[in-house]
Amino acid sequence: MTEQDEGNPLRFVATKNSRRFGEMCDACWQARVVGLGYGPPGTGKTESAKQYAQWNLFKPYLPEWGEMREAVTRGKVASGQAFFVSL
């Protein structure tokens, strides 16, 4: 488990870049395209994605990635507005 996985969602501070990330996600959702957020380490990409996807609400209900990978490949994961994966 990485340090990023242990973040407290109550400590998230919305910044100009995190708002831009959310705007990009909204635009991608409306246009039905995939967006890619990239940049140097430590600039808040992962935390912005977690915040946008409301990761803290459903992460406790998800199985470990090994089980999730099987569900994804079999098409058993319901699609939603945002799904977050950080590798």
PDB file of N, CA and C in Angstrom:
ATOM      1  N   MET A   1       0.844  -1.174   0.000  1.00  0.00           N
ATOM      2  CA  MET A   1       0.000   0.000   0.000  1.00  0.00           C
ATOM      3  C   MET A   1       0.887   1.235   0.000  1.00  0.00           C
ATOM      4  N   THR A   2       0.545   2.172  -0.843  1.00  0.00           N
ATOM      5  CA  THR A   2       1.358   3.375  -0.939  1.00  0.00           C
ATOM      6  C   THR A   2       0.833   4.460  -0.012  1.00  0.00           C
ATOM      7  N   GLU A   3       1.620   5.484   0.126  1.00  0.00           N
ATOM      8  CA  GLU A   3       1.215   6.628   0.938  1.00  0.00           C
ATOM      9  C   GLU A   3      -0.048   7.269   0.363  1.00  0.00           C
ATOM     10  N   GLN A   4      -0.196   7.239  -0.947  1.00  0.00           N
ATOM     11  CA  GLN A   4      -1.362   7.837  -1.588  1.00  0.00           C
ATOM     12  C   GLN A   4      -2.646   7.115  -1.201  1.00  0.00           C
ATOM     13  N   ASP A   5      -2.584   5.813  -0.975  1.00  0.00           N
ATOM     14  CA  ASP A   5      -3.776   5.046  -0.625  1.00  0.00           C
ATOM     15  C   ASP A   5      -4.283   5.371   0.764  1.00  0.00           C
ATOM     16  N   GLU A   6      -3.451   5.952   1.598  1.00  0.00           N
ATOM     17  CA  GLU A   6      -3.825   6.205   2.979  1.00  0.00           C
ATOM     18  C   GLU A   6      -4.285   7.640   3.211  1.00  0.00           C
ATOM     19  N   GLY A   7      -4.452   8.410   2.141  1.00  0.00           N
ATOM     20  CA  GLY A   7      -4.827   9.815   2.285  1.00  0.00           C
ATOM     21  C   GLY A   7      -6.180   9.993   2.955  1.00  0.00           C
ATOM     22  N   ASN A   8      -6.313  11.043   3.720  1.00  0.00           N
ATOM     23  CA  ASN A   8      -7.564  11.367   4.386  1.00  0.00           C
ATOM     24  C   ASN A   8      -8.337  12.340   3.500  1.00  0.00           C
ATOM     25  N   PRO A   9      -9.542  11.944   3.023  1.00  0.00           N
ATOM     26  CA  PRO A   9     -10.277  12.821   2.116  1.00  0.00           C
ATOM     27  C   PRO A   9     -10.691  14.141   2.761  1.00  0.00           C
ATOM     28  N   LEU A  10     -10.701  14.233   4.085  1.00  0.00           N
ATOM     29  CA  LEU A  10     -11.077  15.469   4.752  1.00  0.00           C
ATOM     30  C   LEU A  10      -9.983  16.520   4.640  1.00  0.00           C
ATOM     31  N   ARG A  11      -8.792  16.124   4.247  1.00  0.00           N
ATOM     32  CA  ARG A  11      -7.661  17.042   4.142  1.00  0.00           C
ATOM     33  C   ARG A  11      -7.469  17.587   2.733  1.00  0.00           C
ATOM     34  N   PHE A  12      -8.327  17.230   1.814  1.00  0.00           N
ATOM     35  CA  PHE A  12      -8.161  17.676   0.432  1.00  0.00           C
ATOM     36  C   PHE A  12      -8.399  19.180   0.342  1.00  0.00           C
ATOM     37  N   VAL A  13      -7.471  19.872  -0.294  1.00  0.00           N
ATOM     38  CA  VAL A  13      -7.593  21.315  -0.493  1.00  0.00           C
ATOM     39  C   VAL A  13      -7.754  21.558  -1.991  1.00  0.00           C
ATOM     40  N   ALA A  14      -8.881  22.129  -2.367  1.00  0.00           N
ATOM     41  CA  ALA A  14      -9.122  22.413  -3.782  1.00  0.00           C
ATOM     42  C   ALA A  14      -8.194  23.537  -4.237  1.00  0.00           C
ATOM     43  N   THR A  15      -7.469  23.262  -5.297  1.00  0.00           N
ATOM     44  CA  THR A  15      -6.554  24.246  -5.870  1.00  0.00           C
ATOM     45  C   THR A  15      -7.012  24.576  -7.287  1.00  0.00           C
ATOM     46  N   LYS A  16      -6.355  25.524  -7.886  1.00  0.00           N
ATOM     47  CA  LYS A  16      -6.671  25.889  -9.263  1.00  0.00           C
ATOM     48  C   LYS A  16      -6.515  24.672 -10.180  1.00  0.00           C
ATOM     49  N   ASN A  17      -5.439  23.909  -9.981  1.00  0.00           N
ATOM     50  CA  ASN A  17      -5.204  22.735 -10.818  1.00  0.00           C
ATOM     51  C   ASN A  17      -6.208  21.623 -10.546  1.00  0.00           C
ATOM     52  N   SER A  18      -6.626  21.448  -9.301  1.00  0.00           N
ATOM     53  CA  SER A  18      -7.612  20.399  -9.022  1.00  0.00           C
ATOM     54  C   SER A  18      -8.960  20.762  -9.642  1.00  0.00           C
ATOM     55  N   ARG A  19      -9.296  22.047  -9.645  1.00  0.00           N
ATOM     56  CA  ARG A  19     -10.538  22.481 -10.303  1.00  0.00           C
ATOM     57  C   ARG A  19     -10.431  22.284 -11.818  1.00  0.00           C
ATOM     58  N   ARG A  20      -9.277  22.558 -12.371  1.00  0.00           N
ATOM     59  CA  ARG A  20      -9.067  22.326 -13.810  1.00  0.00           C
ATOM     60  C   ARG A  20      -9.205  20.839 -14.138  1.00  0.00           C
ATOM     61  N   PHE A  21      -8.673  20.004 -13.257  1.00  0.00           N
ATOM     62  CA  PHE A  21      -8.779  18.562 -13.461  1.00  0.00           C
ATOM     63  C   PHE A  21     -10.252  18.154 -13.497  1.00  0.00           C
ATOM     64  N   GLY A  22     -11.040  18.674 -12.559  1.00  0.00           N
ATOM     65  CA  GLY A  22     -12.472  18.381 -12.532  1.00  0.00           C
ATOM     66  C   GLY A  22     -13.181  18.871 -13.782  1.00  0.00           C
ATOM     67  N   GLU A  23     -12.811  20.053 -14.253  1.00  0.00           N
ATOM     68  CA  GLU A  23     -13.394  20.586 -15.486  1.00  0.00           C
ATOM     69  C   GLU A  23     -13.050  19.698 -16.672  1.00  0.00           C
ATOM     70  N   MET A  24     -11.794  19.206 -16.712  1.00  0.00           N
ATOM     71  CA  MET A  24     -11.394  18.315 -17.786  1.00  0.00           C
ATOM     72  C   MET A  24     -12.216  17.031 -17.737  1.00  0.00           C
ATOM     73  N   CYS A  25     -12.401  16.487 -16.542  1.00  0.00           N
ATOM     74  CA  CYS A  25     -13.179  15.256 -16.395  1.00  0.00           C
ATOM     75  C   CYS A  25     -14.620  15.463 -16.841  1.00  0.00           C
ATOM     76  N   ASP A  26     -15.216  16.588 -16.444  1.00  0.00           N
ATOM     77  CA  ASP A  26     -16.587  16.892 -16.862  1.00  0.00           C
ATOM     78  C   ASP A  26     -16.684  17.013 -18.381  1.00  0.00           C
ATOM     79  N   ALA A  27     -15.715  17.697 -18.989  1.00  0.00           N
ATOM     80  CA  ALA A  27     -15.714  17.864 -20.445  1.00  0.00           C
ATOM     81  C   ALA A  27     -15.555  16.517 -21.148  1.00  0.00           C
ATOM     82  N   CYS A  28     -14.693  15.669 -20.613  1.00  0.00           N
ATOM     83  CA  CYS A  28     -14.497  14.340 -21.201  1.00  0.00           C
ATOM     84  C   CYS A  28     -15.769  13.511 -21.092  1.00  0.00           C
ATOM     85  N   TRP A  29     -16.441  13.631 -19.957  1.00  0.00           N
ATOM     86  CA  TRP A  29     -17.687  12.883 -19.752  1.00  0.00           C
ATOM     87  C   TRP A  29     -18.739  13.341 -20.762  1.00  0.00           C
ATOM     88  N   GLN A  30     -18.879  14.637 -20.939  1.00  0.00           N
ATOM     89  CA  GLN A  30     -19.878  15.162 -21.870  1.00  0.00           C
ATOM     90  C   GLN A  30     -19.541  14.804 -23.315  1.00  0.00           C
ATOM     91  N   ALA A  31     -18.264  14.835 -23.669  1.00  0.00           N
ATOM     92  CA  ALA A  31     -17.841  14.525 -25.035  1.00  0.00           C
ATOM     93  C   ALA A  31     -17.684  13.025 -25.263  1.00  0.00           C
ATOM     94  N   ARG A  32     -17.794  12.246 -24.186  1.00  0.00           N
ATOM     95  CA  ARG A  32     -17.648  10.784 -24.254  1.00  0.00           C
ATOM     96  C   ARG A  32     -16.286  10.386 -24.821  1.00  0.00           C
ATOM     97  N   VAL A  33     -15.252  11.017 -24.293  1.00  0.00           N
ATOM     98  CA  VAL A  33     -13.881  10.704 -24.677  1.00  0.00           C
ATOM     99  C   VAL A  33     -13.070  10.421 -23.414  1.00  0.00           C
ATOM    100  N   VAL A  34     -11.897   9.873 -23.596  1.00  0.00           N
ATOM    101  CA  VAL A  34     -11.004   9.586 -22.480  1.00  0.00           C
ATOM    102  C   VAL A  34     -10.016  10.731 -22.343  1.00  0.00           C
ATOM    103  N   GLY A  35      -9.832  11.210 -21.125  1.00  0.00           N
ATOM    104  CA  GLY A  35      -8.865  12.271 -20.866  1.00  0.00           C
ATOM    105  C   GLY A  35      -7.665  11.710 -20.125  1.00  0.00           C
ATOM    106  N   LEU A  36      -6.542  12.337 -20.275  1.00  0.00           N
ATOM    107  CA  LEU A  36      -5.323  11.887 -19.619  1.00  0.00           C
ATOM    108  C   LEU A  36      -4.713  13.052 -18.856  1.00  0.00           C
ATOM    109  N   GLY A  37      -4.584  12.879 -17.547  1.00  0.00           N
ATOM    110  CA  GLY A  37      -3.915  13.889 -16.729  1.00  0.00           C
ATOM    111  C   GLY A  37      -2.470  13.464 -16.519  1.00  0.00           C
ATOM    112  N   TYR A  38      -1.531  14.330 -16.821  1.00  0.00           N
ATOM    113  CA  TYR A  38      -0.121  13.986 -16.666  1.00  0.00           C
ATOM    114  C   TYR A  38       0.634  15.181 -16.108  1.00  0.00           C
ATOM    115  N   GLY A  39       1.798  14.909 -15.581  1.00  0.00           N
ATOM    116  CA  GLY A  39       2.626  15.976 -15.047  1.00  0.00           C
ATOM    117  C   GLY A  39       3.649  15.426 -14.080  1.00  0.00           C
ATOM    118  N   PRO A  40       4.463  16.297 -13.524  1.00  0.00           N
ATOM    119  CA  PRO A  40       5.508  15.861 -12.601  1.00  0.00           C
ATOM    120  C   PRO A  40       4.917  15.253 -11.330  1.00  0.00           C
ATOM    121  N   PRO A  41       5.678  14.390 -10.670  1.00  0.00           N
ATOM    122  CA  PRO A  41       5.212  13.797  -9.415  1.00  0.00           C
ATOM    123  C   PRO A  41       4.960  14.870  -8.361  1.00  0.00           C
ATOM    124  N   GLY A  42       3.966  14.616  -7.537  1.00  0.00           N
ATOM    125  CA  GLY A  42       3.705  15.504  -6.413  1.00  0.00           C
ATOM    126  C   GLY A  42       2.872  16.730  -6.730  1.00  0.00           C
ATOM    127  N   THR A  43       2.236  16.758  -7.898  1.00  0.00           N
ATOM    128  CA  THR A  43       1.452  17.939  -8.265  1.00  0.00           C
ATOM    129  C   THR A  43      -0.043  17.767  -8.011  1.00  0.00           C
ATOM    130  N   GLY A  44      -0.450  16.633  -7.437  1.00  0.00           N
ATOM    131  CA  GLY A  44      -1.844  16.449  -7.039  1.00  0.00           C
ATOM    132  C   GLY A  44      -2.734  15.709  -8.014  1.00  0.00           C
ATOM    133  N   LYS A  45      -2.149  15.060  -9.004  1.00  0.00           N
ATOM    134  CA  LYS A  45      -2.957  14.350  -9.992  1.00  0.00           C
ATOM    135  C   LYS A  45      -3.759  13.224  -9.351  1.00  0.00           C
ATOM    136  N   THR A  46      -3.107  12.398  -8.565  1.00  0.00           N
ATOM    137  CA  THR A  46      -3.778  11.265  -7.938  1.00  0.00           C
ATOM    138  C   THR A  46      -4.848  11.730  -6.967  1.00  0.00           C
ATOM    139  N   GLU A  47      -4.535  12.693  -6.136  1.00  0.00           N
ATOM    140  CA  GLU A  47      -5.518  13.175  -5.161  1.00  0.00           C
ATOM    141  C   GLU A  47      -6.694  13.857  -5.852  1.00  0.00           C
ATOM    142  N   SER A  48      -6.445  14.582  -6.921  1.00  0.00           N
ATOM    143  CA  SER A  48      -7.534  15.217  -7.667  1.00  0.00           C
ATOM    144  C   SER A  48      -8.446  14.161  -8.281  1.00  0.00           C
ATOM    145  N   ALA A  49      -7.846  13.109  -8.824  1.00  0.00           N
ATOM    146  CA  ALA A  49      -8.644  12.031  -9.409  1.00  0.00           C
ATOM    147  C   ALA A  49      -9.464  11.318  -8.339  1.00  0.00           C
ATOM    148  N   LYS A  50      -8.861  11.065  -7.191  1.00  0.00           N
ATOM    149  CA  LYS A  50      -9.598  10.428  -6.092  1.00  0.00           C
ATOM    150  C   LYS A  50     -10.762  11.299  -5.646  1.00  0.00           C
ATOM    151  N   GLN A  51     -10.527  12.576  -5.530  1.00  0.00           N
ATOM    152  CA  GLN A  51     -11.574  13.499  -5.095  1.00  0.00           C
ATOM    153  C   GLN A  51     -12.701  13.542  -6.121  1.00  0.00           C
ATOM    154  N   TYR A  52     -12.355  13.624  -7.390  1.00  0.00           N
ATOM    155  CA  TYR A  52     -13.363  13.702  -8.442  1.00  0.00           C
ATOM    156  C   TYR A  52     -14.212  12.429  -8.486  1.00  0.00           C
ATOM    157  N   ALA A  53     -13.559  11.290  -8.368  1.00  0.00           N
ATOM    158  CA  ALA A  53     -14.260  10.007  -8.441  1.00  0.00           C
ATOM    159  C   ALA A  53     -14.929   9.628  -7.121  1.00  0.00           C
ATOM    160  N   GLN A  54     -14.754  10.427  -6.094  1.00  0.00           N
ATOM    161  CA  GLN A  54     -15.275  10.146  -4.752  1.00  0.00           C
ATOM    162  C   GLN A  54     -14.831   8.757  -4.290  1.00  0.00           C
ATOM    163  N   TRP A  55     -13.555   8.522  -4.490  1.00  0.00           N
ATOM    164  CA  TRP A  55     -12.934   7.230  -4.209  1.00  0.00           C
ATOM    165  C   TRP A  55     -13.166   6.768  -2.778  1.00  0.00           C
ATOM    166  N   ASN A  56     -13.144   7.687  -1.819  1.00  0.00           N
ATOM    167  CA  ASN A  56     -13.279   7.306  -0.418  1.00  0.00           C
ATOM    168  C   ASN A  56     -14.640   6.699  -0.113  1.00  0.00           C
ATOM    169  N   LEU A  57     -15.649   6.933  -0.942  1.00  0.00           N
ATOM    170  CA  LEU A  57     -16.984   6.402  -0.685  1.00  0.00           C
ATOM    171  C   LEU A  57     -17.129   4.937  -1.068  1.00  0.00           C
ATOM    172  N   PHE A  58     -16.465   4.509  -2.143  1.00  0.00           N
ATOM    173  CA  PHE A  58     -16.671   3.132  -2.565  1.00  0.00           C
ATOM    174  C   PHE A  58     -15.462   2.225  -2.454  1.00  0.00           C
ATOM    175  N   LYS A  59     -14.289   2.760  -2.163  1.00  0.00           N
ATOM    176  CA  LYS A  59     -13.103   1.920  -2.042  1.00  0.00           C
ATOM    177  C   LYS A  59     -13.269   0.806  -1.006  1.00  0.00           C
ATOM    178  N   PRO A  60     -13.871   1.090   0.170  1.00  0.00           N
ATOM    179  CA  PRO A  60     -14.012   0.017   1.161  1.00  0.00           C
ATOM    180  C   PRO A  60     -14.862  -1.159   0.679  1.00  0.00           C
ATOM    181  N   TYR A  61     -15.700  -0.944  -0.317  1.00  0.00           N
ATOM    182  CA  TYR A  61     -16.587  -1.998  -0.805  1.00  0.00           C
ATOM    183  C   TYR A  61     -16.008  -2.792  -1.962  1.00  0.00           C
ATOM    184  N   LEU A  62     -14.857  -2.363  -2.465  1.00  0.00           N
ATOM    185  CA  LEU A  62     -14.246  -3.047  -3.595  1.00  0.00           C
ATOM    186  C   LEU A  62     -13.300  -4.142  -3.127  1.00  0.00           C
ATOM    187  N   PRO A  63     -13.266  -5.241  -3.855  1.00  0.00           N
ATOM    188  CA  PRO A  63     -12.288  -6.285  -3.531  1.00  0.00           C
ATOM    189  C   PRO A  63     -10.889  -5.821  -3.923  1.00  0.00           C
ATOM    190  N   GLU A  64      -9.906  -6.585  -3.546  1.00  0.00           N
ATOM    191  CA  GLU A  64      -8.542  -6.269  -3.954  1.00  0.00           C
ATOM    192  C   GLU A  64      -8.458  -6.305  -5.475  1.00  0.00           C
ATOM    193  N   TRP A  65      -7.438  -5.659  -6.039  1.00  0.00           N
ATOM    194  CA  TRP A  65      -7.342  -5.519  -7.492  1.00  0.00           C
ATOM    195  C   TRP A  65      -7.312  -6.852  -8.218  1.00  0.00           C
ATOM    196  N   GLY A  66      -6.729  -7.896  -7.638  1.00  0.00           N
ATOM    197  CA  GLY A  66      -6.694  -9.193  -8.311  1.00  0.00           C
ATOM    198  C   GLY A  66      -8.096  -9.680  -8.645  1.00  0.00           C
ATOM    199  N   GLU A  67      -8.996  -9.589  -7.681  1.00  0.00           N
ATOM    200  CA  GLU A  67     -10.382  -9.970  -7.914  1.00  0.00           C
ATOM    201  C   GLU A  67     -11.061  -8.971  -8.847  1.00  0.00           C
ATOM    202  N   MET A  68     -10.744  -7.700  -8.694  1.00  0.00           N
ATOM    203  CA  MET A  68     -11.344  -6.667  -9.530  1.00  0.00           C
ATOM    204  C   MET A  68     -10.944  -6.853 -10.987  1.00  0.00           C
ATOM    205  N   ARG A  69      -9.701  -7.225 -11.225  1.00  0.00           N
ATOM    206  CA  ARG A  69      -9.231  -7.414 -12.596  1.00  0.00           C
ATOM    207  C   ARG A  69     -10.078  -8.464 -13.303  1.00  0.00           C
ATOM    208  N   GLU A  70     -10.397  -9.556 -12.598  1.00  0.00           N
ATOM    209  CA  GLU A  70     -11.232 -10.592 -13.195  1.00  0.00           C
ATOM    210  C   GLU A  70     -12.620 -10.061 -13.513  1.00  0.00           C
ATOM    211  N   ALA A  71     -13.185  -9.274 -12.603  1.00  0.00           N
ATOM    212  CA  ALA A  71     -14.517  -8.711 -12.827  1.00  0.00           C
ATOM    213  C   ALA A  71     -14.512  -7.751 -14.013  1.00  0.00           C
ATOM    214  N   VAL A  72     -13.457  -6.955 -14.127  1.00  0.00           N
ATOM    215  CA  VAL A  72     -13.369  -5.999 -15.232  1.00  0.00           C
ATOM    216  C   VAL A  72     -13.256  -6.736 -16.553  1.00  0.00           C
ATOM    217  N   THR A  73     -12.415  -7.760 -16.610  1.00  0.00           N
ATOM    218  CA  THR A  73     -12.225  -8.478 -17.869  1.00  0.00           C
ATOM    219  C   THR A  73     -13.472  -9.257 -18.256  1.00  0.00           C
ATOM    220  N   ARG A  74     -14.297  -9.605 -17.301  1.00  0.00           N
ATOM    221  CA  ARG A  74     -15.546 -10.313 -17.609  1.00  0.00           C
ATOM    222  C   ARG A  74     -16.708  -9.343 -17.811  1.00  0.00           C
ATOM    223  N   GLY A  75     -16.453  -8.062 -17.670  1.00  0.00           N
ATOM    224  CA  GLY A  75     -17.487  -7.069 -17.899  1.00  0.00           C
ATOM    225  C   GLY A  75     -18.529  -6.976 -16.804  1.00  0.00           C
ATOM    226  N   LYS A  76     -18.169  -7.327 -15.567  1.00  0.00           N
ATOM    227  CA  LYS A  76     -19.141  -7.339 -14.483  1.00  0.00           C
ATOM    228  C   LYS A  76     -19.139  -6.060 -13.657  1.00  0.00           C
ATOM    229  N   VAL A  77     -18.293  -5.124 -13.982  1.00  0.00           N
ATOM    230  CA  VAL A  77     -18.256  -3.874 -13.231  1.00  0.00           C
ATOM    231  C   VAL A  77     -19.175  -2.882 -13.932  1.00  0.00           C
ATOM    232  N   ALA A  78     -20.163  -2.377 -13.201  1.00  0.00           N
ATOM    233  CA  ALA A  78     -21.089  -1.407 -13.787  1.00  0.00           C
ATOM    234  C   ALA A  78     -20.335  -0.124 -14.102  1.00  0.00           C
ATOM    235  N   SER A  79     -20.614   0.433 -15.245  1.00  0.00           N
ATOM    236  CA  SER A  79     -19.916   1.674 -15.606  1.00  0.00           C
ATOM    237  C   SER A  79     -20.557   2.850 -14.888  1.00  0.00           C
ATOM    238  N   GLY A  80     -19.712   3.792 -14.508  1.00  0.00           N
ATOM    239  CA  GLY A  80     -20.174   4.990 -13.824  1.00  0.00           C
ATOM    240  C   GLY A  80     -19.578   6.204 -14.494  1.00  0.00           C
ATOM    241  N   GLN A  81     -19.755   7.350 -13.885  1.00  0.00           N
ATOM    242  CA  GLN A  81     -19.223   8.574 -14.479  1.00  0.00           C
ATOM    243  C   GLN A  81     -17.709   8.596 -14.398  1.00  0.00           C
ATOM    244  N   ALA A  82     -17.153   8.090 -13.295  1.00  0.00           N
ATOM    245  CA  ALA A  82     -15.706   8.133 -13.133  1.00  0.00           C
ATOM    246  C   ALA A  82     -15.239   6.868 -12.440  1.00  0.00           C
ATOM    247  N   PHE A  83     -14.139   6.336 -12.897  1.00  0.00           N
ATOM    248  CA  PHE A  83     -13.525   5.191 -12.243  1.00  0.00           C
ATOM    249  C   PHE A  83     -12.050   5.507 -12.141  1.00  0.00           C
ATOM    250  N   PHE A  84     -11.491   5.326 -10.977  1.00  0.00           N
ATOM    251  CA  PHE A  84     -10.118   5.736 -10.708  1.00  0.00           C
ATOM    252  C   PHE A  84      -9.217   4.523 -10.553  1.00  0.00           C
ATOM    253  N   VAL A  85      -8.123   4.484 -11.291  1.00  0.00           N
ATOM    254  CA  VAL A  85      -7.092   3.464 -11.130  1.00  0.00           C
ATOM    255  C   VAL A  85      -5.751   4.175 -11.202  1.00  0.00           C
ATOM    256  N   SER A  86      -4.903   3.946 -10.222  1.00  0.00           N
ATOM    257  CA  SER A  86      -3.569   4.530 -10.227  1.00  0.00           C
ATOM    258  C   SER A  86      -2.563   3.400 -10.168  1.00  0.00           C
ATOM    259  N   LEU A  87      -1.705   3.307 -11.169  1.00  0.00           N
ATOM    260  CA  LEU A  87      -0.721   2.222 -11.218  1.00  0.00           C
ATOM    261  C   LEU A  87       0.645   2.730 -10.897  1.00  0.00           C
TER     262      LEU A  87
END
